[in-house]
C-alpha cells in the first residue's frame, strides 16, 4: 500500500512538473502536447484541490469545536465515608 502511494505521488509530481515547467518551451505542434490538458488547468486544478481540502478540513474542525463546546453533565462527586 505504501509503495503504491509513493509511486502515485512520484508520478503525479513528475507529470505536473513536466506539464508546467517544460511543456511551455516545447512547440505547440509537437505530439507530446496531446498528453497534457490545456495550460490554464495547471493553475485551476491545484486551486480546486486546495479549496476542497481546506473546506473538508475546516468543516471537520468546525464540527469538532461545536461538539466539544456542548455542556457536559457534571460528574457526581463521590462522598468519602469516614
PDB file of N, CA and C in Angstrom:
ATOM      1  N   UNK A   1       0.826  -1.190   0.000  1.00  0.00           N
ATOM      2  CA  UNK A   1       0.000   0.000   0.000  1.00  0.00           C
ATOM      3  C   UNK A   1       0.870   1.253   0.000  1.00  0.00           C
ATOM      4  N   UNK A   2       1.881   1.259   0.833  1.00  0.00           N
ATOM      5  CA  UNK A   2       2.751   2.428   0.909  1.00  0.00           C
ATOM      6  C   UNK A   2       3.538   2.654  -0.369  1.00  0.00           C
ATOM      7  N   UNK A   3       3.953   1.555  -1.002  1.00  0.00           N
ATOM      8  CA  UNK A   3       4.696   1.678  -2.254  1.00  0.00           C
ATOM      9  C   UNK A   3       3.814   2.257  -3.351  1.00  0.00           C
ATOM     10  N   UNK A   4       2.572   1.849  -3.387  1.00  0.00           N
ATOM     11  CA  UNK A   4       1.643   2.354  -4.393  1.00  0.00           C
ATOM     12  C   UNK A   4       1.407   3.852  -4.246  1.00  0.00           C
ATOM     13  N   UNK A   5       1.235   4.291  -3.008  1.00  0.00           N
ATOM     14  CA  UNK A   5       1.031   5.720  -2.760  1.00  0.00           C
ATOM     15  C   UNK A   5       2.280   6.506  -3.141  1.00  0.00           C
ATOM     16  N   UNK A   6       3.446   5.959  -2.816  1.00  0.00           N
ATOM     17  CA  UNK A   6       4.697   6.623  -3.171  1.00  0.00           C
ATOM     18  C   UNK A   6       4.871   6.720  -4.689  1.00  0.00           C
ATOM     19  N   UNK A   7       4.570   5.650  -5.404  1.00  0.00           N
ATOM     20  CA  UNK A   7       4.686   5.662  -6.864  1.00  0.00           C
ATOM     21  C   UNK A   7       3.695   6.639  -7.467  1.00  0.00           C
ATOM     22  N   UNK A   8       2.455   6.663  -6.956  1.00  0.00           N
ATOM     23  CA  UNK A   8       1.455   7.606  -7.457  1.00  0.00           C
ATOM     24  C   UNK A   8       1.894   9.046  -7.216  1.00  0.00           C
ATOM     25  N   UNK A   9       2.408   9.342  -6.028  1.00  0.00           N
ATOM     26  CA  UNK A   9       2.851  10.697  -5.712  1.00  0.00           C
ATOM     27  C   UNK A   9       4.030  11.109  -6.587  1.00  0.00           C
ATOM     28  N   UNK A  10       4.963  10.191  -6.809  1.00  0.00           N
ATOM     29  CA  UNK A  10       6.112  10.491  -7.660  1.00  0.00           C
ATOM     30  C   UNK A  10       5.684  10.744  -9.096  1.00  0.00           C
ATOM     31  N   UNK A  11       4.791   9.890  -9.611  1.00  0.00           N
ATOM     32  CA  UNK A  11       4.294  10.071 -10.971  1.00  0.00           C
ATOM     33  C   UNK A  11       3.552  11.401 -11.102  1.00  0.00           C
ATOM     34  N   UNK A  12       2.700  11.713 -10.126  1.00  0.00           N
ATOM     35  CA  UNK A  12       1.941  12.969 -10.174  1.00  0.00           C
ATOM     36  C   UNK A  12       2.875  14.171 -10.148  1.00  0.00           C
ATOM     37  N   UNK A  13       3.883  14.133  -9.292  1.00  0.00           N
ATOM     38  CA  UNK A  13       4.833  15.241  -9.208  1.00  0.00           C
ATOM     39  C   UNK A  13       5.588  15.411 -10.515  1.00  0.00           C
ATOM     40  N   UNK A  14       6.072  14.318 -11.103  1.00  0.00           N
ATOM     41  CA  UNK A  14       6.812  14.406 -12.359  1.00  0.00           C
ATOM     42  C   UNK A  14       5.922  14.889 -13.503  1.00  0.00           C
ATOM     43  N   UNK A  15       4.707  14.373 -13.574  1.00  0.00           N
ATOM     44  CA  UNK A  15       3.765  14.781 -14.621  1.00  0.00           C
ATOM     45  C   UNK A  15       3.471  16.277 -14.522  1.00  0.00           C
ATOM     46  N   UNK A  16       3.161  16.754 -13.313  1.00  0.00           N
ATOM     47  CA  UNK A  16       2.840  18.168 -13.133  1.00  0.00           C
ATOM     48  C   UNK A  16       4.058  19.044 -13.410  1.00  0.00           C
ATOM     49  N   UNK A  17       5.245  18.602 -13.005  1.00  0.00           N
ATOM     50  CA  UNK A  17       6.463  19.368 -13.242  1.00  0.00           C
ATOM     51  C   UNK A  17       6.748  19.488 -14.735  1.00  0.00           C
ATOM     52  N   UNK A  18       6.631  18.398 -15.456  1.00  0.00           N
ATOM     53  CA  UNK A  18       6.844  18.446 -16.904  1.00  0.00           C
ATOM     54  C   UNK A  18       5.797  19.335 -17.561  1.00  0.00           C
ATOM     55  N   UNK A  19       4.543  19.201 -17.132  1.00  0.00           N
ATOM     56  CA  UNK A  19       3.446  19.959 -17.700  1.00  0.00           C
ATOM     57  C   UNK A  19       3.637  21.461 -17.515  1.00  0.00           C
ATOM     58  N   UNK A  20       4.073  21.877 -16.327  1.00  0.00           N
ATOM     59  CA  UNK A  20       4.150  23.305 -16.025  1.00  0.00           C
ATOM     60  C   UNK A  20       5.496  23.937 -16.333  1.00  0.00           C
ATOM     61  N   UNK A  21       6.586  23.181 -16.254  1.00  0.00           N
ATOM     62  CA  UNK A  21       7.909  23.788 -16.418  1.00  0.00           C
ATOM     63  C   UNK A  21       8.573  23.494 -17.755  1.00  0.00           C
ATOM     64  N   UNK A  22       8.250  22.381 -18.377  1.00  0.00           N
ATOM     65  CA  UNK A  22       8.932  22.025 -19.625  1.00  0.00           C
ATOM     66  C   UNK A  22       8.050  22.260 -20.848  1.00  0.00           C
ATOM     67  N   UNK A  23       6.777  21.900 -20.760  1.00  0.00           N
ATOM     68  CA  UNK A  23       5.914  21.979 -21.932  1.00  0.00           C
ATOM     69  C   UNK A  23       5.713  23.393 -22.481  1.00  0.00           C
ATOM     70  N   UNK A  24       5.771  24.454 -21.696  1.00  0.00           N
ATOM     71  CA  UNK A  24       5.657  25.782 -22.308  1.00  0.00           C
ATOM     72  C   UNK A  24       6.781  26.093 -23.295  1.00  0.00           C
ATOM     73  N   UNK A  25       7.911  25.412 -23.187  1.00  0.00           N
ATOM     74  CA  UNK A  25       9.036  25.661 -24.089  1.00  0.00           C
ATOM     75  C   UNK A  25       9.047  24.726 -25.297  1.00  0.00           C
ATOM     76  N   UNK A  26       8.108  23.780 -25.342  1.00  0.00           N
ATOM     77  CA  UNK A  26       8.009  22.852 -26.462  1.00  0.00           C
ATOM     78  C   UNK A  26       7.024  23.428 -27.472  1.00  0.00           C
ATOM     79  N   UNK A  27       7.334  23.269 -28.741  1.00  0.00           N
ATOM     80  CA  UNK A  27       6.475  23.776 -29.809  1.00  0.00           C
ATOM     81  C   UNK A  27       5.059  23.203 -29.677  1.00  0.00           C
ATOM     82  N   UNK A  28       4.057  24.025 -29.899  1.00  0.00           N
ATOM     83  CA  UNK A  28       2.664  23.601 -29.700  1.00  0.00           C
ATOM     84  C   UNK A  28       2.220  22.543 -30.690  1.00  0.00           C
ATOM     85  N   UNK A  29       2.940  22.369 -31.787  1.00  0.00           N
ATOM     86  CA  UNK A  29       2.573  21.330 -32.753  1.00  0.00           C
ATOM     87  C   UNK A  29       3.209  19.983 -32.425  1.00  0.00           C
ATOM     88  N   UNK A  30       4.016  19.921 -31.395  1.00  0.00           N
ATOM     89  CA  UNK A  30       4.686  18.672 -31.024  1.00  0.00           C
ATOM     90  C   UNK A  30       3.664  17.678 -30.475  1.00  0.00           C
ATOM     91  N   UNK A  31       3.817  16.396 -30.794  1.00  0.00           N
ATOM     92  CA  UNK A  31       2.837  15.392 -30.341  1.00  0.00           C
ATOM     93  C   UNK A  31       2.765  15.218 -28.822  1.00  0.00           C
ATOM     94  N   UNK A  32       3.797  15.613 -28.077  1.00  0.00           N
ATOM     95  CA  UNK A  32       3.754  15.494 -26.616  1.00  0.00           C
ATOM     96  C   UNK A  32       2.631  16.332 -26.003  1.00  0.00           C
ATOM     97  N   UNK A  33       2.195  17.364 -26.679  1.00  0.00           N
ATOM     98  CA  UNK A  33       1.127  18.211 -26.128  1.00  0.00           C
ATOM     99  C   UNK A  33      -0.202  17.458 -26.025  1.00  0.00           C
ATOM    100  N   UNK A  34      -0.329  16.358 -26.744  1.00  0.00           N
ATOM    101  CA  UNK A  34      -1.577  15.595 -26.663  1.00  0.00           C
ATOM    102  C   UNK A  34      -1.691  14.842 -25.331  1.00  0.00           C
ATOM    103  N   UNK A  35      -0.583  14.688 -24.583  1.00  0.00           N
ATOM    104  CA  UNK A  35      -0.610  14.003 -23.295  1.00  0.00           C
ATOM    105  C   UNK A  35      -1.008  14.914 -22.134  1.00  0.00           C
ATOM    106  N   UNK A  36      -1.128  16.212 -22.379  1.00  0.00           N
ATOM    107  CA  UNK A  36      -1.368  17.177 -21.309  1.00  0.00           C
ATOM    108  C   UNK A  36      -2.608  18.010 -21.615  1.00  0.00           C
ATOM    109  N   UNK A  37      -3.377  18.371 -20.585  1.00  0.00           N
ATOM    110  CA  UNK A  37      -4.521  19.266 -20.783  1.00  0.00           C
ATOM    111  C   UNK A  37      -4.034  20.690 -21.067  1.00  0.00           C
ATOM    112  N   UNK A  38      -4.949  21.602 -21.398  1.00  0.00           N
ATOM    113  CA  UNK A  38      -4.534  22.996 -21.620  1.00  0.00           C
ATOM    114  C   UNK A  38      -3.836  23.583 -20.396  1.00  0.00           C
ATOM    115  N   UNK A  39      -2.973  24.549 -20.629  1.00  0.00           N
ATOM    116  CA  UNK A  39      -2.130  25.088 -19.547  1.00  0.00           C
ATOM    117  C   UNK A  39      -2.914  25.792 -18.446  1.00  0.00           C
ATOM    118  N   UNK A  40      -4.071  26.371 -18.766  1.00  0.00           N
ATOM    119  CA  UNK A  40      -4.811  27.070 -17.706  1.00  0.00           C
ATOM    120  C   UNK A  40      -5.253  26.119 -16.602  1.00  0.00           C
ATOM    121  N   UNK A  41      -5.359  24.819 -16.912  1.00  0.00           N
ATOM    122  CA  UNK A  41      -5.717  23.838 -15.895  1.00  0.00           C
ATOM    123  C   UNK A  41      -4.566  23.561 -14.945  1.00  0.00           C
ATOM    124  N   UNK A  42      -3.365  23.991 -15.296  1.00  0.00           N
ATOM    125  CA  UNK A  42      -2.215  23.829 -14.398  1.00  0.00           C
ATOM    126  C   UNK A  42      -2.372  24.684 -13.149  1.00  0.00           C
ATOM    127  N   UNK A  43      -3.172  25.736 -13.240  1.00  0.00           N
ATOM    128  CA  UNK A  43      -3.461  26.576 -12.077  1.00  0.00           C
ATOM    129  C   UNK A  43      -4.820  26.208 -11.483  1.00  0.00           C
ATOM    130  N   UNK A  44      -5.812  25.998 -12.330  1.00  0.00           N
ATOM    131  CA  UNK A  44      -7.165  25.704 -11.844  1.00  0.00           C
ATOM    132  C   UNK A  44      -7.220  24.438 -10.998  1.00  0.00           C
ATOM    133  N   UNK A  45      -6.580  23.380 -11.458  1.00  0.00           N
ATOM    134  CA  UNK A  45      -6.661  22.096 -10.761  1.00  0.00           C
ATOM    135  C   UNK A  45      -6.094  22.150  -9.342  1.00  0.00           C
ATOM    136  N   UNK A  46      -4.875  22.667  -9.125  1.00  0.00           N
ATOM    137  CA  UNK A  46      -4.381  22.736  -7.738  1.00  0.00           C
ATOM    138  C   UNK A  46      -5.211  23.660  -6.852  1.00  0.00           C
ATOM    139  N   UNK A  47      -5.732  24.751  -7.433  1.00  0.00           N
ATOM    140  CA  UNK A  47      -6.567  25.660  -6.640  1.00  0.00           C
ATOM    141  C   UNK A  47      -7.849  24.952  -6.206  1.00  0.00           C
ATOM    142  N   UNK A  48      -8.452  24.199  -7.115  1.00  0.00           N
ATOM    143  CA  UNK A  48      -9.670  23.462  -6.760  1.00  0.00           C
ATOM    144  C   UNK A  48      -9.385  22.414  -5.682  1.00  0.00           C
ATOM    145  N   UNK A  49      -8.264  21.724  -5.810  1.00  0.00           N
ATOM    146  CA  UNK A  49      -7.908  20.706  -4.811  1.00  0.00           C
ATOM    147  C   UNK A  49      -7.665  21.354  -3.450  1.00  0.00           C
ATOM    148  N   UNK A  50      -6.970  22.492  -3.441  1.00  0.00           N
ATOM    149  CA  UNK A  50      -6.717  23.185  -2.169  1.00  0.00           C
ATOM    150  C   UNK A  50      -8.010  23.698  -1.539  1.00  0.00           C
ATOM    151  N   UNK A  51      -8.916  24.245  -2.354  1.00  0.00           N
ATOM    152  CA  UNK A  51     -10.195  24.718  -1.814  1.00  0.00           C
ATOM    153  C   UNK A  51     -11.019  23.564  -1.257  1.00  0.00           C
ATOM    154  N   UNK A  52     -11.050  22.457  -1.967  1.00  0.00           N
ATOM    155  CA  UNK A  52     -11.791  21.291  -1.492  1.00  0.00           C
ATOM    156  C   UNK A  52     -11.200  20.752  -0.194  1.00  0.00           C
ATOM    157  N   UNK A  53      -9.879  20.601  -0.166  1.00  0.00           N
ATOM    158  CA  UNK A  53      -9.219  20.099   1.046  1.00  0.00           C
ATOM    159  C   UNK A  53      -9.405  21.067   2.213  1.00  0.00           C
ATOM    160  N   UNK A  54      -9.286  22.367   1.950  1.00  0.00           N
ATOM    161  CA  UNK A  54      -9.497  23.360   3.003  1.00  0.00           C
ATOM    162  C   UNK A  54     -10.921  23.335   3.534  1.00  0.00           C
ATOM    163  N   UNK A  55     -11.891  23.139   2.637  1.00  0.00           N
ATOM    164  CA  UNK A  55     -13.282  23.033   3.072  1.00  0.00           C
ATOM    165  C   UNK A  55     -13.538  21.808   3.918  1.00  0.00           C
ATOM    166  N   UNK A  56     -12.951  20.691   3.529  1.00  0.00           N
ATOM    167  CA  UNK A  56     -13.133  19.456   4.298  1.00  0.00           C
ATOM    168  C   UNK A  56     -12.478  19.591   5.675  1.00  0.00           C
ATOM    169  N   UNK A  57     -11.257  20.098   5.703  1.00  0.00           N
ATOM    170  CA  UNK A  57     -10.555  20.251   6.985  1.00  0.00           C
ATOM    171  C   UNK A  57     -11.266  21.281   7.865  1.00  0.00           C
ATOM    172  N   UNK A  58     -11.698  22.384   7.270  1.00  0.00           N
ATOM    173  CA  UNK A  58     -12.418  23.397   8.038  1.00  0.00           C
ATOM    174  C   UNK A  58     -13.735  22.871   8.592  1.00  0.00           C
ATOM    175  N   UNK A  59     -14.451  22.098   7.791  1.00  0.00           N
ATOM    176  CA  UNK A  59     -15.709  21.510   8.271  1.00  0.00           C
ATOM    177  C   UNK A  59     -15.453  20.540   9.417  1.00  0.00           C
ATOM    178  N   UNK A  60     -14.434  19.724   9.278  1.00  0.00           N
ATOM    179  CA  UNK A  60     -14.097  18.778  10.343  1.00  0.00           C
ATOM    180  C   UNK A  60     -13.749  19.513  11.630  1.00  0.00           C
ATOM    181  N   UNK A  61     -12.911  20.541  11.526  1.00  0.00           N
ATOM    182  CA  UNK A  61     -12.544  21.302  12.731  1.00  0.00           C
ATOM    183  C   UNK A  61     -13.748  22.010  13.334  1.00  0.00           C
ATOM    184  N   UNK A  62     -14.622  22.538  12.492  1.00  0.00           N
ATOM    185  CA  UNK A  62     -15.828  23.186  12.996  1.00  0.00           C
ATOM    186  C   UNK A  62     -16.726  22.221  13.744  1.00  0.00           C
ATOM    187  N   UNK A  63     -16.914  21.034  13.186  1.00  0.00           N
ATOM    188  CA  UNK A  63     -17.747  20.033  13.855  1.00  0.00           C
ATOM    189  C   UNK A  63     -17.131  19.632  15.185  1.00  0.00           C
ATOM    190  N   UNK A  64     -15.822  19.426  15.215  1.00  0.00           N
ATOM    191  CA  UNK A  64     -15.152  19.049  16.465  1.00  0.00           C
ATOM    192  C   UNK A  64     -15.282  20.162  17.493  1.00  0.00           C
ATOM    193  N   UNK A  65     -15.129  21.413  17.074  1.00  0.00           N
ATOM    194  CA  UNK A  65     -15.232  22.528  18.014  1.00  0.00           C
ATOM    195  C   UNK A  65     -16.651  22.675  18.558  1.00  0.00           C
ATOM    196  N   UNK A  66     -17.652  22.493  17.704  1.00  0.00           N
ATOM    197  CA  UNK A  66     -19.040  22.597  18.169  1.00  0.00           C
ATOM    198  C   UNK A  66     -19.361  21.473  19.148  1.00  0.00           C
ATOM    199  N   UNK A  67     -18.938  20.277  18.834  1.00  0.00           N
ATOM    200  CA  UNK A  67     -19.218  19.150  19.723  1.00  0.00           C
ATOM    201  C   UNK A  67     -18.479  19.260  21.047  1.00  0.00           C
ATOM    202  N   UNK A  68     -17.291  19.829  21.035  1.00  0.00           N
ATOM    203  CA  UNK A  68     -16.541  19.938  22.285  1.00  0.00           C
ATOM    204  C   UNK A  68     -17.042  21.094  23.144  1.00  0.00           C
ATOM    205  N   UNK A  69     -17.841  21.981  22.587  1.00  0.00           N
ATOM    206  CA  UNK A  69     -18.339  23.137  23.328  1.00  0.00           C
ATOM    207  C   UNK A  69     -19.687  22.857  23.991  1.00  0.00           C
ATOM    208  N   UNK A  70     -20.295  21.742  23.715  1.00  0.00           N
ATOM    209  CA  UNK A  70     -21.584  21.429  24.325  1.00  0.00           C
ATOM    210  C   UNK A  70     -21.386  21.142  25.809  1.00  0.00           C
ATOM    211  N   UNK A  71     -22.303  21.604  26.630  1.00  0.00           N
ATOM    212  CA  UNK A  71     -22.141  21.380  28.075  1.00  0.00           C
ATOM    213  C   UNK A  71     -22.261  19.892  28.405  1.00  0.00           C
ATOM    214  N   UNK A  72     -21.464  19.491  29.314  1.00  0.00           N
ATOM    215  CA  UNK A  72     -21.471  18.092  29.745  1.00  0.00           C
ATOM    216  C   UNK A  72     -22.142  17.978  31.110  1.00  0.00           C
ATOM    217  N   UNK A  73     -22.636  16.797  31.381  1.00  0.00           N
ATOM    218  CA  UNK A  73     -23.224  16.577  32.693  1.00  0.00           C
ATOM    219  C   UNK A  73     -22.112  16.583  33.725  1.00  0.00           C
ATOM    220  N   UNK A  74     -22.353  17.259  34.821  1.00  0.00           N
ATOM    221  CA  UNK A  74     -21.316  17.249  35.863  1.00  0.00           C
ATOM    222  C   UNK A  74     -21.181  15.856  36.471  1.00  0.00           C
ATOM    223  N   UNK A  75     -19.974  15.517  36.765  1.00  0.00           N
ATOM    224  CA  UNK A  75     -19.729  14.221  37.401  1.00  0.00           C
ATOM    225  C   UNK A  75     -20.197  14.285  38.849  1.00  0.00           C
ATOM    226  N   UNK A  76     -20.781  13.193  39.281  1.00  0.00           N
ATOM    227  CA  UNK A  76     -21.221  13.159  40.671  1.00  0.00           C
ATOM    228  C   UNK A  76     -20.006  12.978  41.559  1.00  0.00           C
ATOM    229  N   UNK A  77     -19.992  13.784  42.558  1.00  0.00           N
ATOM    230  CA  UNK A  77     -18.887  13.684  43.486  1.00  0.00           C
ATOM    231  C   UNK A  77     -19.140  12.516  44.430  1.00  0.00           C
ATOM    232  N   UNK A  78     -18.131  11.773  44.587  1.00  0.00           N
ATOM    233  CA  UNK A  78     -18.262  10.641  45.496  1.00  0.00           C
ATOM    234  C   UNK A  78     -17.957  11.120  46.910  1.00  0.00           C
ATOM    235  N   UNK A  79     -18.826  10.761  47.788  1.00  0.00           N
ATOM    236  CA  UNK A  79     -18.655  11.128  49.174  1.00  0.00           C
ATOM    237  C   UNK A  79     -17.717  10.122  49.840  1.00  0.00           C
ATOM    238  N   UNK A  80     -16.724  10.657  50.449  1.00  0.00           N
ATOM    239  CA  UNK A  80     -15.828   9.760  51.177  1.00  0.00           C
ATOM    240  C   UNK A  80     -16.460   9.431  52.524  1.00  0.00           C
ATOM    241  N   UNK A  81     -16.483   8.177  52.816  1.00  0.00           N
ATOM    242  CA  UNK A  81     -17.005   7.778  54.113  1.00  0.00           C
ATOM    243  C   UNK A  81     -15.855   7.721  55.099  1.00  0.00           C
ATOM    244  N   UNK A  82     -16.111   8.239  56.279  1.00  0.00           N
ATOM    245  CA  UNK A  82     -15.061   8.265  57.293  1.00  0.00           C
ATOM    246  C   UNK A  82     -15.208   7.149  58.249  1.00  0.00           C
TER     247      UNK A  82
END
